[in-house]
All heavy atoms as atom14 arrays in JSON, in Angstrom:
{
  "sequence": "SGRAAVSTGPIRLSLSVRCPRCGSLDTREVSHFGSTSCKALFECRAC",
  "atom14_mask": [
    [1, 1, 1, 1, 1, 1, 0, 0, 0, 0, 0, 0, 0, 0],
    [1, 1, 1, 1, 0, 0, 0, 0, 0, 0, 0, 0, 0, 0],
    [1, 1, 1, 1, 1, 1, 1, 1, 1, 1, 1, 0, 0, 0],
    [1, 1, 1, 1, 1, 0, 0, 0, 0, 0, 0, 0, 0, 0],
    [1, 1, 1, 1, 1, 0, 0, 0, 0, 0, 0, 0, 0, 0],
    [1, 1, 1, 1, 1, 1, 1, 0, 0, 0, 0, 0, 0, 0],
    [1, 1, 1, 1, 1, 1, 0, 0, 0, 0, 0, 0, 0, 0],
    [1, 1, 1, 1, 1, 1, 1, 0, 0, 0, 0, 0, 0, 0],
    [1, 1, 1, 1, 0, 0, 0, 0, 0, 0, 0, 0, 0, 0],
    [1, 1, 1, 1, 1, 1, 1, 0, 0, 0, 0, 0, 0, 0],
    [1, 1, 1, 1, 1, 1, 1, 1, 0, 0, 0, 0, 0, 0],
    [1, 1, 1, 1, 1, 1, 1, 1, 1, 1, 1, 0, 0, 0],
    [1, 1, 1, 1, 1, 1, 1, 1, 0, 0, 0, 0, 0, 0],
    [1, 1, 1, 1, 1, 1, 0, 0, 0, 0, 0, 0, 0, 0],
    [1, 1, 1, 1, 1, 1, 1, 1, 0, 0, 0, 0, 0, 0],
    [1, 1, 1, 1, 1, 1, 0, 0, 0, 0, 0, 0, 0, 0],
    [1, 1, 1, 1, 1, 1, 1, 0, 0, 0, 0, 0, 0, 0],
    [1, 1, 1, 1, 1, 1, 1, 1, 1, 1, 1, 0, 0, 0],
    [1, 1, 1, 1, 1, 1, 0, 0, 0, 0, 0, 0, 0, 0],
    [1, 1, 1, 1, 1, 1, 1, 0, 0, 0, 0, 0, 0, 0],
    [1, 1, 1, 1, 1, 1, 1, 1, 1, 1, 1, 0, 0, 0],
    [1, 1, 1, 1, 1, 1, 0, 0, 0, 0, 0, 0, 0, 0],
    [1, 1, 1, 1, 0, 0, 0, 0, 0, 0, 0, 0, 0, 0],
    [1, 1, 1, 1, 1, 1, 0, 0, 0, 0, 0, 0, 0, 0],
    [1, 1, 1, 1, 1, 1, 1, 1, 0, 0, 0, 0, 0, 0],
    [1, 1, 1, 1, 1, 1, 1, 1, 0, 0, 0, 0, 0, 0],
    [1, 1, 1, 1, 1, 1, 1, 0, 0, 0, 0, 0, 0, 0],
    [1, 1, 1, 1, 1, 1, 1, 1, 1, 1, 1, 0, 0, 0],
    [1, 1, 1, 1, 1, 1, 1, 1, 1, 0, 0, 0, 0, 0],
    [1, 1, 1, 1, 1, 1, 1, 0, 0, 0, 0, 0, 0, 0],
    [1, 1, 1, 1, 1, 1, 0, 0, 0, 0, 0, 0, 0, 0],
    [1, 1, 1, 1, 1, 1, 1, 1, 1, 1, 0, 0, 0, 0],
    [1, 1, 1, 1, 1, 1, 1, 1, 1, 1, 1, 0, 0, 0],
    [1, 1, 1, 1, 0, 0, 0, 0, 0, 0, 0, 0, 0, 0],
    [1, 1, 1, 1, 1, 1, 0, 0, 0, 0, 0, 0, 0, 0],
    [1, 1, 1, 1, 1, 1, 1, 0, 0, 0, 0, 0, 0, 0],
    [1, 1, 1, 1, 1, 1, 0, 0, 0, 0, 0, 0, 0, 0],
    [1, 1, 1, 1, 1, 1, 0, 0, 0, 0, 0, 0, 0, 0],
    [1, 1, 1, 1, 1, 1, 1, 1, 1, 0, 0, 0, 0, 0],
    [1, 1, 1, 1, 1, 0, 0, 0, 0, 0, 0, 0, 0, 0],
    [1, 1, 1, 1, 1, 1, 1, 1, 0, 0, 0, 0, 0, 0],
    [1, 1, 1, 1, 1, 1, 1, 1, 1, 1, 1, 0, 0, 0],
    [1, 1, 1, 1, 1, 1, 1, 1, 1, 0, 0, 0, 0, 0],
    [1, 1, 1, 1, 1, 1, 0, 0, 0, 0, 0, 0, 0, 0],
    [1, 1, 1, 1, 1, 1, 1, 1, 1, 1, 1, 0, 0, 0],
    [1, 1, 1, 1, 1, 0, 0, 0, 0, 0, 0, 0, 0, 0],
    [1, 1, 1, 1, 1, 1, 0, 0, 0, 0, 0, 0, 0, 0]
  ],
  "atom14_positions": [
    [[-83.59, -37.17, 44.58], [-83.87, -38.58, 44.31], [-83.5, -38.85, 42.86], [-83.62, -38.0, 42.0], [-85.34, -38.9, 44.55], [-86.16, -38.05, 43.78], [0.0, 0.0, 0.0], [0.0, 0.0, 0.0], [0.0, 0.0, 0.0], [0.0, 0.0, 0.0], [0.0, 0.0, 0.0], [0.0, 0.0, 0.0], [0.0, 0.0, 0.0], [0.0, 0.0, 0.0]],
    [[-83.04, -40.04, 42.59], [-82.64, -40.37, 41.23], [-81.27, -39.82, 40.9], [-80.52, -39.37, 41.75], [0.0, 0.0, 0.0], [0.0, 0.0, 0.0], [0.0, 0.0, 0.0], [0.0, 0.0, 0.0], [0.0, 0.0, 0.0], [0.0, 0.0, 0.0], [0.0, 0.0, 0.0], [0.0, 0.0, 0.0], [0.0, 0.0, 0.0], [0.0, 0.0, 0.0]],
    [[-80.97, -39.85, 39.63], [-79.68, -39.39, 39.14], [-79.94, -38.29, 38.12], [-81.0, -38.21, 37.53], [-78.91, -40.54, 38.49], [-78.81, -41.72, 39.44], [-77.59, -42.54, 39.51], [-76.35, -42.09, 39.0], [-75.32, -41.72, 39.78], [-75.44, -41.69, 41.07], [-74.18, -41.41, 39.24], [0.0, 0.0, 0.0], [0.0, 0.0, 0.0], [0.0, 0.0, 0.0]],
    [[-78.96, -37.44, 37.94], [-79.07, -36.36, 36.95], [-79.21, -36.97, 35.56], [-78.63, -38.01, 35.26], [-77.86, -35.44, 37.02], [0.0, 0.0, 0.0], [0.0, 0.0, 0.0], [0.0, 0.0, 0.0], [0.0, 0.0, 0.0], [0.0, 0.0, 0.0], [0.0, 0.0, 0.0], [0.0, 0.0, 0.0], [0.0, 0.0, 0.0], [0.0, 0.0, 0.0]],
    [[-79.98, -36.33, 34.72], [-80.17, -36.81, 33.35], [-78.87, -36.7, 32.57], [-78.1, -35.77, 32.77], [-81.26, -35.99, 32.65], [0.0, 0.0, 0.0], [0.0, 0.0, 0.0], [0.0, 0.0, 0.0], [0.0, 0.0, 0.0], [0.0, 0.0, 0.0], [0.0, 0.0, 0.0], [0.0, 0.0, 0.0], [0.0, 0.0, 0.0], [0.0, 0.0, 0.0]],
    [[-78.62, -37.66, 31.71], [-77.45, -37.61, 30.83], [-77.95, -37.49, 29.4], [-79.04, -37.94, 29.07], [-76.55, -38.85, 30.99], [-75.92, -38.88, 32.36], [-77.32, -40.12, 30.74], [0.0, 0.0, 0.0], [0.0, 0.0, 0.0], [0.0, 0.0, 0.0], [0.0, 0.0, 0.0], [0.0, 0.0, 0.0], [0.0, 0.0, 0.0], [0.0, 0.0, 0.0]],
    [[-77.14, -36.89, 28.55], [-77.59, -36.61, 27.19], [-77.82, -37.87, 26.36], [-78.51, -37.82, 25.36], [-76.58, -35.7, 26.49], [-75.32, -36.32, 26.44], [0.0, 0.0, 0.0], [0.0, 0.0, 0.0], [0.0, 0.0, 0.0], [0.0, 0.0, 0.0], [0.0, 0.0, 0.0], [0.0, 0.0, 0.0], [0.0, 0.0, 0.0], [0.0, 0.0, 0.0]],
    [[-77.26, -38.99, 26.77], [-77.4, -40.2, 25.96], [-78.5, -41.12, 26.46], [-78.72, -42.18, 25.88], [-76.08, -41.0, 25.96], [-75.75, -41.32, 27.31], [-74.97, -40.19, 25.32], [0.0, 0.0, 0.0], [0.0, 0.0, 0.0], [0.0, 0.0, 0.0], [0.0, 0.0, 0.0], [0.0, 0.0, 0.0], [0.0, 0.0, 0.0], [0.0, 0.0, 0.0]],
    [[-79.18, -40.76, 27.53], [-80.2, -41.65, 28.08], [-81.51, -40.92, 28.3], [-81.66, -39.75, 27.97], [0.0, 0.0, 0.0], [0.0, 0.0, 0.0], [0.0, 0.0, 0.0], [0.0, 0.0, 0.0], [0.0, 0.0, 0.0], [0.0, 0.0, 0.0], [0.0, 0.0, 0.0], [0.0, 0.0, 0.0], [0.0, 0.0, 0.0], [0.0, 0.0, 0.0]],
    [[-82.46, -41.63, 28.87], [-83.77, -41.02, 29.12], [-83.68, -39.98, 30.23], [-82.8, -40.02, 31.09], [-84.62, -42.2, 29.56], [-83.65, -43.18, 30.13], [-82.4, -43.01, 29.31], [0.0, 0.0, 0.0], [0.0, 0.0, 0.0], [0.0, 0.0, 0.0], [0.0, 0.0, 0.0], [0.0, 0.0, 0.0], [0.0, 0.0, 0.0], [0.0, 0.0, 0.0]],
    [[-84.58, -39.05, 30.21], [-84.66, -38.04, 31.25], [-85.57, -38.6, 32.33], [-86.73, -38.92, 32.08], [-85.21, -36.71, 30.71], [-84.24, -36.15, 29.67], [-85.43, -35.71, 31.84], [-84.73, -34.92, 28.97], [0.0, 0.0, 0.0], [0.0, 0.0, 0.0], [0.0, 0.0, 0.0], [0.0, 0.0, 0.0], [0.0, 0.0, 0.0], [0.0, 0.0, 0.0]],
    [[-85.03, -38.73, 33.53], [-85.81, -39.27, 34.64], [-86.67, -38.18, 35.25], [-86.21, -37.06, 35.44], [-84.89, -39.88, 35.68], [-84.17, -41.1, 35.15], [-83.28, -41.71, 36.22], [-82.75, -42.97, 35.78], [-81.62, -43.1, 35.1], [-80.93, -42.05, 34.77], [-81.22, -44.3, 34.74], [0.0, 0.0, 0.0], [0.0, 0.0, 0.0], [0.0, 0.0, 0.0]],
    [[-87.89, -38.52, 35.57], [-88.79, -37.59, 36.21], [-89.05, -38.04, 37.64], [-89.21, -39.23, 37.9], [-90.13, -37.53, 35.46], [-90.06, -37.09, 34.01], [-91.43, -37.18, 33.37], [-89.54, -35.67, 33.92], [0.0, 0.0, 0.0], [0.0, 0.0, 0.0], [0.0, 0.0, 0.0], [0.0, 0.0, 0.0], [0.0, 0.0, 0.0], [0.0, 0.0, 0.0]],
    [[-89.12, -37.08, 38.53], [-89.5, -37.39, 39.9], [-91.0, -37.2, 39.99], [-91.5, -36.1, 39.83], [-88.77, -36.46, 40.86], [-89.16, -36.74, 42.18], [0.0, 0.0, 0.0], [0.0, 0.0, 0.0], [0.0, 0.0, 0.0], [0.0, 0.0, 0.0], [0.0, 0.0, 0.0], [0.0, 0.0, 0.0], [0.0, 0.0, 0.0], [0.0, 0.0, 0.0]],
    [[-91.73, -38.3, 40.19], [-93.18, -38.21, 40.24], [-93.67, -37.7, 41.58], [-94.76, -37.16, 41.68], [-93.79, -39.57, 39.92], [-93.44, -40.12, 38.53], [-94.06, -41.49, 38.34], [-93.91, -39.17, 37.44], [0.0, 0.0, 0.0], [0.0, 0.0, 0.0], [0.0, 0.0, 0.0], [0.0, 0.0, 0.0], [0.0, 0.0, 0.0], [0.0, 0.0, 0.0]],
    [[-92.89, -37.88, 42.61], [-93.24, -37.35, 43.92], [-91.97, -37.18, 44.74], [-90.95, -37.79, 44.46], [-94.22, -38.28, 44.64], [-93.64, -39.54, 44.83], [0.0, 0.0, 0.0], [0.0, 0.0, 0.0], [0.0, 0.0, 0.0], [0.0, 0.0, 0.0], [0.0, 0.0, 0.0], [0.0, 0.0, 0.0], [0.0, 0.0, 0.0], [0.0, 0.0, 0.0]],
    [[-92.07, -36.34, 45.74], [-90.96, -36.09, 46.65], [-91.44, -36.5, 48.04], [-92.48, -36.05, 48.49], [-90.54, -34.61, 46.63], [-89.51, -34.32, 47.7], [-90.01, -34.23, 45.25], [0.0, 0.0, 0.0], [0.0, 0.0, 0.0], [0.0, 0.0, 0.0], [0.0, 0.0, 0.0], [0.0, 0.0, 0.0], [0.0, 0.0, 0.0], [0.0, 0.0, 0.0]],
    [[-90.66, -37.36, 48.68], [-91.03, -37.86, 50.02], [-90.78, -36.77, 51.07], [-89.72, -36.17, 51.11], [-90.22, -39.1, 50.35], [-90.61, -39.75, 51.68], [-89.91, -41.07, 51.91], [-90.1, -42.02, 50.84], [-91.18, -42.81, 50.7], [-92.15, -42.73, 51.58], [-91.26, -43.66, 49.7], [0.0, 0.0, 0.0], [0.0, 0.0, 0.0], [0.0, 0.0, 0.0]],
    [[-91.76, -36.53, 51.92], [-91.63, -35.56, 53.0], [-90.57, -36.06, 53.98], [-90.64, -37.19, 54.46], [-92.97, -35.39, 53.72], [-92.87, -34.33, 55.19], [0.0, 0.0, 0.0], [0.0, 0.0, 0.0], [0.0, 0.0, 0.0], [0.0, 0.0, 0.0], [0.0, 0.0, 0.0], [0.0, 0.0, 0.0], [0.0, 0.0, 0.0], [0.0, 0.0, 0.0]],
    [[-89.56, -35.23, 54.3], [-88.51, -35.68, 55.22], [-89.0, -35.75, 56.67], [-88.33, -36.33, 57.51], [-87.42, -34.62, 55.05], [-88.15, -33.4, 54.62], [-89.31, -33.89, 53.78], [0.0, 0.0, 0.0], [0.0, 0.0, 0.0], [0.0, 0.0, 0.0], [0.0, 0.0, 0.0], [0.0, 0.0, 0.0], [0.0, 0.0, 0.0], [0.0, 0.0, 0.0]],
    [[-90.15, -35.19, 56.95], [-90.67, -35.21, 58.33], [-91.53, -36.43, 58.6], [-91.33, -37.13, 59.59], [-91.45, -33.93, 58.6], [-90.51, -32.73, 58.64], [-91.23, -31.45, 59.01], [-90.29, -30.35, 59.13], [-89.82, -29.65, 58.12], [-90.19, -29.93, 56.88], [-88.96, -28.67, 58.31], [0.0, 0.0, 0.0], [0.0, 0.0, 0.0], [0.0, 0.0, 0.0]],
    [[-92.54, -36.69, 57.73], [-93.47, -37.8, 58.01], [-93.35, -38.95, 57.02], [-93.94, -39.99, 57.22], [-94.91, -37.29, 58.06], [-95.61, -36.86, 56.45], [0.0, 0.0, 0.0], [0.0, 0.0, 0.0], [0.0, 0.0, 0.0], [0.0, 0.0, 0.0], [0.0, 0.0, 0.0], [0.0, 0.0, 0.0], [0.0, 0.0, 0.0], [0.0, 0.0, 0.0]],
    [[-92.61, -38.75, 55.93], [-92.4, -39.81, 54.95], [-93.48, -39.92, 53.89], [-93.41, -40.77, 53.01], [0.0, 0.0, 0.0], [0.0, 0.0, 0.0], [0.0, 0.0, 0.0], [0.0, 0.0, 0.0], [0.0, 0.0, 0.0], [0.0, 0.0, 0.0], [0.0, 0.0, 0.0], [0.0, 0.0, 0.0], [0.0, 0.0, 0.0], [0.0, 0.0, 0.0]],
    [[-94.48, -39.06, 53.92], [-95.57, -39.13, 52.95], [-95.09, -38.75, 51.55], [-94.21, -37.9, 51.39], [-96.69, -38.18, 53.38], [-97.7, -38.12, 52.37], [0.0, 0.0, 0.0], [0.0, 0.0, 0.0], [0.0, 0.0, 0.0], [0.0, 0.0, 0.0], [0.0, 0.0, 0.0], [0.0, 0.0, 0.0], [0.0, 0.0, 0.0], [0.0, 0.0, 0.0]],
    [[-95.7, -39.37, 50.55], [-95.43, -39.0, 49.16], [-96.49, -38.02, 48.64], [-96.43, -37.6, 47.5], [-95.41, -40.26, 48.28], [-94.2, -41.17, 48.51], [-94.37, -42.47, 47.72], [-92.92, -40.48, 48.11], [0.0, 0.0, 0.0], [0.0, 0.0, 0.0], [0.0, 0.0, 0.0], [0.0, 0.0, 0.0], [0.0, 0.0, 0.0], [0.0, 0.0, 0.0]],
    [[-97.45, -37.66, 49.49], [-98.5, -36.72, 49.11], [-97.99, -35.3, 49.33], [-98.3, -34.64, 50.32], [-99.77, -36.99, 49.93], [-100.95, -36.16, 49.45], [-100.85, -35.53, 48.37], [-101.97, -36.14, 50.16], [0.0, 0.0, 0.0], [0.0, 0.0, 0.0], [0.0, 0.0, 0.0], [0.0, 0.0, 0.0], [0.0, 0.0, 0.0], [0.0, 0.0, 0.0]],
    [[-97.12, -34.85, 48.41], [-96.48, -33.54, 48.5], [-96.69, -32.78, 47.21], [-97.03, -33.36, 46.17], [-94.97, -33.67, 48.77], [-94.37, -34.38, 47.68], [-94.71, -34.41, 50.08], [0.0, 0.0, 0.0], [0.0, 0.0, 0.0], [0.0, 0.0, 0.0], [0.0, 0.0, 0.0], [0.0, 0.0, 0.0], [0.0, 0.0, 0.0], [0.0, 0.0, 0.0]],
    [[-96.49, -31.47, 47.27], [-96.58, -30.65, 46.06], [-95.53, -29.55, 46.1], [-95.16, -29.07, 47.18], [-97.97, -30.06, 45.89], [-98.28, -28.95, 46.85], [-99.67, -28.34, 46.6], [-99.86, -27.17, 47.44], [-99.6, -25.92, 47.07], [-99.15, -25.66, 45.86], [-99.78, -24.92, 47.91], [0.0, 0.0, 0.0], [0.0, 0.0, 0.0], [0.0, 0.0, 0.0]],
    [[-95.07, -29.17, 44.91], [-94.1, -28.08, 44.8], [-94.84, -26.76, 44.94], [-95.8, -26.5, 44.21], [-93.37, -28.14, 43.47], [-92.27, -27.1, 43.34], [-91.51, -27.19, 42.03], [-92.09, -26.79, 41.01], [-90.37, -27.67, 42.05], [0.0, 0.0, 0.0], [0.0, 0.0, 0.0], [0.0, 0.0, 0.0], [0.0, 0.0, 0.0], [0.0, 0.0, 0.0]],
    [[-94.42, -25.94, 45.88], [-95.01, -24.62, 46.09], [-94.27, -23.58, 45.25], [-94.88, -22.71, 44.65], [-94.95, -24.24, 47.59], [-95.45, -22.82, 47.82], [-95.75, -25.24, 48.41], [0.0, 0.0, 0.0], [0.0, 0.0, 0.0], [0.0, 0.0, 0.0], [0.0, 0.0, 0.0], [0.0, 0.0, 0.0], [0.0, 0.0, 0.0], [0.0, 0.0, 0.0]],
    [[-92.94, -23.7, 45.22], [-92.11, -22.76, 44.46], [-90.9, -23.52, 43.93], [-90.33, -24.33, 44.66], [-91.66, -21.61, 45.35], [-90.73, -20.78, 44.67], [0.0, 0.0, 0.0], [0.0, 0.0, 0.0], [0.0, 0.0, 0.0], [0.0, 0.0, 0.0], [0.0, 0.0, 0.0], [0.0, 0.0, 0.0], [0.0, 0.0, 0.0], [0.0, 0.0, 0.0]],
    [[-90.52, -23.25, 42.7], [-89.36, -23.93, 42.12], [-88.07, -23.53, 42.82], [-87.07, -24.22, 42.71], [-89.28, -23.66, 40.62], [-88.36, -24.59, 39.9], [-88.54, -25.96, 39.86], [-87.22, -24.36, 39.22], [-87.57, -26.52, 39.19], [-86.74, -25.58, 38.78], [0.0, 0.0, 0.0], [0.0, 0.0, 0.0], [0.0, 0.0, 0.0], [0.0, 0.0, 0.0]],
    [[-88.1, -22.42, 43.56], [-86.92, -21.98, 44.31], [-87.27, -21.91, 45.78], [-88.26, -21.3, 46.17], [-86.39, -20.64, 43.8], [-85.92, -20.72, 42.38], [-86.72, -20.3, 41.35], [-84.68, -21.28, 42.09], [-86.28, -20.4, 40.03], [-84.25, -21.4, 40.79], [-85.05, -20.96, 39.75], [0.0, 0.0, 0.0], [0.0, 0.0, 0.0], [0.0, 0.0, 0.0]],
    [[-86.42, -22.55, 46.61], [-86.62, -22.56, 48.05], [-85.7, -21.57, 48.73], [-85.49, -20.47, 48.23], [0.0, 0.0, 0.0], [0.0, 0.0, 0.0], [0.0, 0.0, 0.0], [0.0, 0.0, 0.0], [0.0, 0.0, 0.0], [0.0, 0.0, 0.0], [0.0, 0.0, 0.0], [0.0, 0.0, 0.0], [0.0, 0.0, 0.0], [0.0, 0.0, 0.0]],
    [[-85.12, -21.99, 49.86], [-84.26, -21.1, 50.63], [-82.99, -20.72, 49.87], [-82.36, -19.71, 50.16], [-83.91, -21.73, 51.97], [-83.22, -22.94, 51.79], [0.0, 0.0, 0.0], [0.0, 0.0, 0.0], [0.0, 0.0, 0.0], [0.0, 0.0, 0.0], [0.0, 0.0, 0.0], [0.0, 0.0, 0.0], [0.0, 0.0, 0.0], [0.0, 0.0, 0.0]],
    [[-82.59, -21.55, 48.91], [-81.49, -21.22, 48.0], [-81.91, -21.66, 46.61], [-82.85, -22.44, 46.44], [-80.17, -21.92, 48.4], [-80.36, -23.34, 48.31], [-79.73, -21.53, 49.8], [0.0, 0.0, 0.0], [0.0, 0.0, 0.0], [0.0, 0.0, 0.0], [0.0, 0.0, 0.0], [0.0, 0.0, 0.0], [0.0, 0.0, 0.0], [0.0, 0.0, 0.0]],
    [[-81.2, -21.22, 45.6], [-81.57, -21.53, 44.21], [-81.45, -23.01, 43.88], [-82.07, -23.49, 42.94], [-80.71, -20.72, 43.25], [-80.98, -19.35, 43.42], [0.0, 0.0, 0.0], [0.0, 0.0, 0.0], [0.0, 0.0, 0.0], [0.0, 0.0, 0.0], [0.0, 0.0, 0.0], [0.0, 0.0, 0.0], [0.0, 0.0, 0.0], [0.0, 0.0, 0.0]],
    [[-80.64, -23.76, 44.64], [-80.48, -25.18, 44.33], [-81.53, -26.04, 45.02], [-81.51, -27.26, 44.91], [-79.07, -25.65, 44.69], [-78.57, -25.29, 46.37], [0.0, 0.0, 0.0], [0.0, 0.0, 0.0], [0.0, 0.0, 0.0], [0.0, 0.0, 0.0], [0.0, 0.0, 0.0], [0.0, 0.0, 0.0], [0.0, 0.0, 0.0], [0.0, 0.0, 0.0]],
    [[-82.48, -25.41, 45.7], [-83.56, -26.15, 46.36], [-84.9, -25.61, 45.89], [-85.02, -24.46, 45.48], [-83.45, -26.01, 47.87], [-82.22, -26.67, 48.46], [-82.26, -26.6, 49.95], [-81.36, -25.77, 50.61], [-80.52, -24.9, 50.82], [0.0, 0.0, 0.0], [0.0, 0.0, 0.0], [0.0, 0.0, 0.0], [0.0, 0.0, 0.0], [0.0, 0.0, 0.0]],
    [[-85.93, -26.46, 45.96], [-87.31, -26.07, 45.66], [-88.11, -26.17, 46.96], [-87.81, -26.98, 47.83], [-87.91, -27.0, 44.61], [0.0, 0.0, 0.0], [0.0, 0.0, 0.0], [0.0, 0.0, 0.0], [0.0, 0.0, 0.0], [0.0, 0.0, 0.0], [0.0, 0.0, 0.0], [0.0, 0.0, 0.0], [0.0, 0.0, 0.0], [0.0, 0.0, 0.0]],
    [[-89.14, -25.34, 47.08], [-89.99, -25.35, 48.26], [-91.18, -26.27, 48.0], [-91.91, -26.1, 47.02], [-90.47, -23.94, 48.6], [-91.39, -23.83, 49.81], [-90.69, -24.31, 51.09], [-91.88, -22.39, 49.97], [0.0, 0.0, 0.0], [0.0, 0.0, 0.0], [0.0, 0.0, 0.0], [0.0, 0.0, 0.0], [0.0, 0.0, 0.0], [0.0, 0.0, 0.0]],
    [[-91.37, -27.24, 48.9], [-92.48, -28.18, 48.81], [-93.35, -28.06, 50.04], [-92.95, -27.51, 51.06], [-91.96, -29.62, 48.7], [-91.69, -30.06, 47.29], [-90.61, -29.56, 46.58], [-92.52, -30.98, 46.66], [-90.36, -29.96, 45.29], [-92.28, -31.39, 45.37], [-91.19, -30.89, 44.67], [0.0, 0.0, 0.0], [0.0, 0.0, 0.0], [0.0, 0.0, 0.0]],
    [[-94.54, -28.63, 49.93], [-95.47, -28.71, 51.05], [-95.98, -30.13, 51.13], [-96.29, -30.75, 50.11], [-96.62, -27.74, 50.8], [-97.84, -27.94, 51.66], [-98.97, -27.02, 51.28], [-99.62, -27.26, 50.24], [-99.19, -26.06, 52.02], [0.0, 0.0, 0.0], [0.0, 0.0, 0.0], [0.0, 0.0, 0.0], [0.0, 0.0, 0.0], [0.0, 0.0, 0.0]],
    [[-96.08, -30.65, 52.34], [-96.61, -31.99, 52.56], [-98.1, -31.85, 52.84], [-98.51, -31.11, 53.73], [-95.91, -32.67, 53.73], [-96.58, -34.32, 54.1], [0.0, 0.0, 0.0], [0.0, 0.0, 0.0], [0.0, 0.0, 0.0], [0.0, 0.0, 0.0], [0.0, 0.0, 0.0], [0.0, 0.0, 0.0], [0.0, 0.0, 0.0], [0.0, 0.0, 0.0]],
    [[-98.9, -32.57, 52.08], [-100.34, -32.52, 52.3], [-100.77, -33.39, 53.48], [-101.88, -33.23, 53.99], [-101.06, -32.96, 51.03], [-100.89, -31.97, 49.89], [-101.65, -32.43, 48.65], [-101.52, -31.44, 47.6], [-101.2, -31.75, 46.36], [-100.97, -32.99, 46.0], [-101.12, -30.8, 45.45], [0.0, 0.0, 0.0], [0.0, 0.0, 0.0], [0.0, 0.0, 0.0]],
    [[-99.91, -34.3, 53.92], [-100.25, -35.17, 55.05], [-100.01, -34.47, 56.39], [-100.91, -34.41, 57.23], [-99.46, -36.47, 54.98], [0.0, 0.0, 0.0], [0.0, 0.0, 0.0], [0.0, 0.0, 0.0], [0.0, 0.0, 0.0], [0.0, 0.0, 0.0], [0.0, 0.0, 0.0], [0.0, 0.0, 0.0], [0.0, 0.0, 0.0], [0.0, 0.0, 0.0]],
    [[-98.79, -33.93, 56.59], [-98.49, -33.28, 57.88], [-98.57, -31.76, 57.8], [-98.4, -31.08, 58.81], [-97.12, -33.74, 58.4], [-95.7, -33.12, 57.46], [0.0, 0.0, 0.0], [0.0, 0.0, 0.0], [0.0, 0.0, 0.0], [0.0, 0.0, 0.0], [0.0, 0.0, 0.0], [0.0, 0.0, 0.0], [0.0, 0.0, 0.0], [0.0, 0.0, 0.0]]
  ]
}
């Protein structure tokens, strides 16, 4: 979500990640690395 930060502008923060299954924003990062290094593992607190 969002765009990659650029050196001349503000650094955007993702305050929440939407669950791709149920759409909830009540999620948390479990591990900074998921099935590959370019992904993070999250858990949905709703589903």
